[in-house]
N, C-alpha and C. Protein backbone atom coordinates (compact mmCIF):
# COMPACT_ATOMS: atom_id res chain seq x y z
N MET A 1 16.12 0.12 25.71
CA MET A 1 15.73 1.14 24.76
C MET A 1 14.66 0.56 23.82
N ARG A 2 13.57 1.30 23.62
CA ARG A 2 12.49 0.86 22.75
C ARG A 2 12.38 1.78 21.55
N LEU A 3 12.07 1.20 20.41
CA LEU A 3 11.86 1.98 19.20
C LEU A 3 10.37 2.15 18.96
N ASP A 4 9.99 3.32 18.49
CA ASP A 4 8.60 3.54 18.11
C ASP A 4 8.38 2.90 16.74
N VAL A 5 7.33 2.10 16.62
CA VAL A 5 7.00 1.45 15.36
C VAL A 5 5.63 1.94 14.94
N MET A 6 5.56 2.51 13.73
CA MET A 6 4.29 3.02 13.23
C MET A 6 3.39 1.86 12.82
N LYS A 7 2.08 2.01 13.06
CA LYS A 7 1.12 0.98 12.69
C LYS A 7 1.02 0.88 11.18
N THR A 8 0.97 -0.35 10.68
CA THR A 8 0.79 -0.60 9.25
C THR A 8 -0.64 -1.08 9.04
N TYR A 9 -1.44 -0.31 8.32
CA TYR A 9 -2.82 -0.70 8.05
C TYR A 9 -2.84 -1.65 6.86
N LYS A 10 -3.75 -2.62 6.90
CA LYS A 10 -3.83 -3.61 5.85
C LYS A 10 -5.23 -3.60 5.23
N LEU A 11 -5.30 -3.91 3.95
CA LEU A 11 -6.55 -3.94 3.22
C LEU A 11 -7.00 -5.39 3.09
N TYR A 12 -8.21 -5.70 3.56
CA TYR A 12 -8.76 -7.05 3.57
C TYR A 12 -10.06 -7.03 2.78
N ILE A 13 -10.10 -7.71 1.62
CA ILE A 13 -11.28 -7.67 0.74
C ILE A 13 -11.72 -9.09 0.42
N GLY A 14 -12.98 -9.38 0.67
CA GLY A 14 -13.55 -10.69 0.31
C GLY A 14 -12.81 -11.86 0.93
N GLY A 15 -12.33 -11.70 2.14
CA GLY A 15 -11.64 -12.79 2.83
C GLY A 15 -10.19 -12.96 2.46
N ALA A 16 -9.61 -11.98 1.77
CA ALA A 16 -8.20 -12.10 1.38
C ALA A 16 -7.54 -10.73 1.31
N PHE A 17 -6.24 -10.76 1.39
CA PHE A 17 -5.46 -9.53 1.23
C PHE A 17 -5.10 -9.39 -0.25
N PRO A 18 -5.46 -8.27 -0.89
CA PRO A 18 -5.08 -8.09 -2.30
C PRO A 18 -3.56 -7.99 -2.41
N ARG A 19 -3.01 -8.64 -3.42
CA ARG A 19 -1.56 -8.65 -3.61
C ARG A 19 -1.20 -7.78 -4.81
N SER A 20 -0.13 -7.04 -4.68
CA SER A 20 0.30 -6.18 -5.77
C SER A 20 0.73 -6.99 -6.99
N GLU A 21 1.17 -8.24 -6.78
CA GLU A 21 1.60 -9.08 -7.90
C GLU A 21 0.44 -9.44 -8.83
N SER A 22 -0.79 -9.33 -8.33
CA SER A 22 -1.96 -9.68 -9.14
C SER A 22 -2.35 -8.57 -10.11
N GLY A 23 -1.65 -7.45 -10.06
CA GLY A 23 -1.95 -6.34 -10.96
C GLY A 23 -3.04 -5.44 -10.45
N ARG A 24 -3.50 -5.65 -9.21
CA ARG A 24 -4.55 -4.81 -8.65
C ARG A 24 -3.97 -3.69 -7.80
N SER A 25 -3.04 -2.96 -8.36
CA SER A 25 -2.43 -1.82 -7.67
C SER A 25 -2.08 -0.77 -8.72
N TYR A 26 -1.75 0.41 -8.24
CA TYR A 26 -1.36 1.49 -9.14
C TYR A 26 -0.26 2.30 -8.47
N GLN A 27 0.48 3.07 -9.27
CA GLN A 27 1.55 3.90 -8.71
C GLN A 27 0.98 5.23 -8.25
N LEU A 28 1.33 5.61 -7.04
CA LEU A 28 0.93 6.89 -6.48
C LEU A 28 2.14 7.81 -6.56
N LYS A 29 1.95 8.99 -7.14
CA LYS A 29 3.05 9.94 -7.30
C LYS A 29 2.66 11.29 -6.72
N ASP A 30 3.66 12.07 -6.32
CA ASP A 30 3.40 13.41 -5.81
C ASP A 30 3.25 14.39 -6.97
N LYS A 31 3.07 15.67 -6.66
CA LYS A 31 2.85 16.70 -7.69
C LYS A 31 3.98 16.78 -8.70
N ARG A 32 5.18 16.44 -8.27
CA ARG A 32 6.36 16.51 -9.16
C ARG A 32 6.59 15.23 -9.94
N GLY A 33 5.75 14.23 -9.71
CA GLY A 33 5.89 12.97 -10.42
C GLY A 33 6.80 11.97 -9.73
N ASN A 34 7.20 12.25 -8.50
CA ASN A 34 8.05 11.33 -7.74
C ASN A 34 7.20 10.20 -7.16
N PHE A 35 7.71 8.98 -7.26
CA PHE A 35 7.02 7.80 -6.75
C PHE A 35 6.86 7.89 -5.24
N ILE A 36 5.65 7.53 -4.74
CA ILE A 36 5.38 7.51 -3.30
C ILE A 36 5.10 6.08 -2.84
N ALA A 37 4.16 5.38 -3.51
CA ALA A 37 3.76 4.04 -3.05
C ALA A 37 3.00 3.31 -4.15
N ASN A 38 2.74 2.02 -3.92
CA ASN A 38 1.89 1.19 -4.78
C ASN A 38 0.66 0.76 -4.00
N PRO A 39 -0.38 1.61 -3.89
CA PRO A 39 -1.58 1.20 -3.16
C PRO A 39 -2.40 0.18 -3.95
N ALA A 40 -3.09 -0.69 -3.23
CA ALA A 40 -3.94 -1.70 -3.86
C ALA A 40 -5.28 -1.08 -4.23
N LEU A 41 -5.86 -1.57 -5.31
CA LEU A 41 -7.20 -1.14 -5.71
C LEU A 41 -8.21 -1.83 -4.82
N ALA A 42 -9.18 -1.08 -4.34
CA ALA A 42 -10.21 -1.66 -3.45
C ALA A 42 -11.46 -1.96 -4.24
């Protein structure tokens, strides 16, 4: 039995992956204000 695994896209800037710990991210929320994700700033 095989599981379908969705592809995870990665952001690569200036030879490195931006890390959320560096403060270069923001909270993405839906219309109701519910948290969705922490995308990195490009």
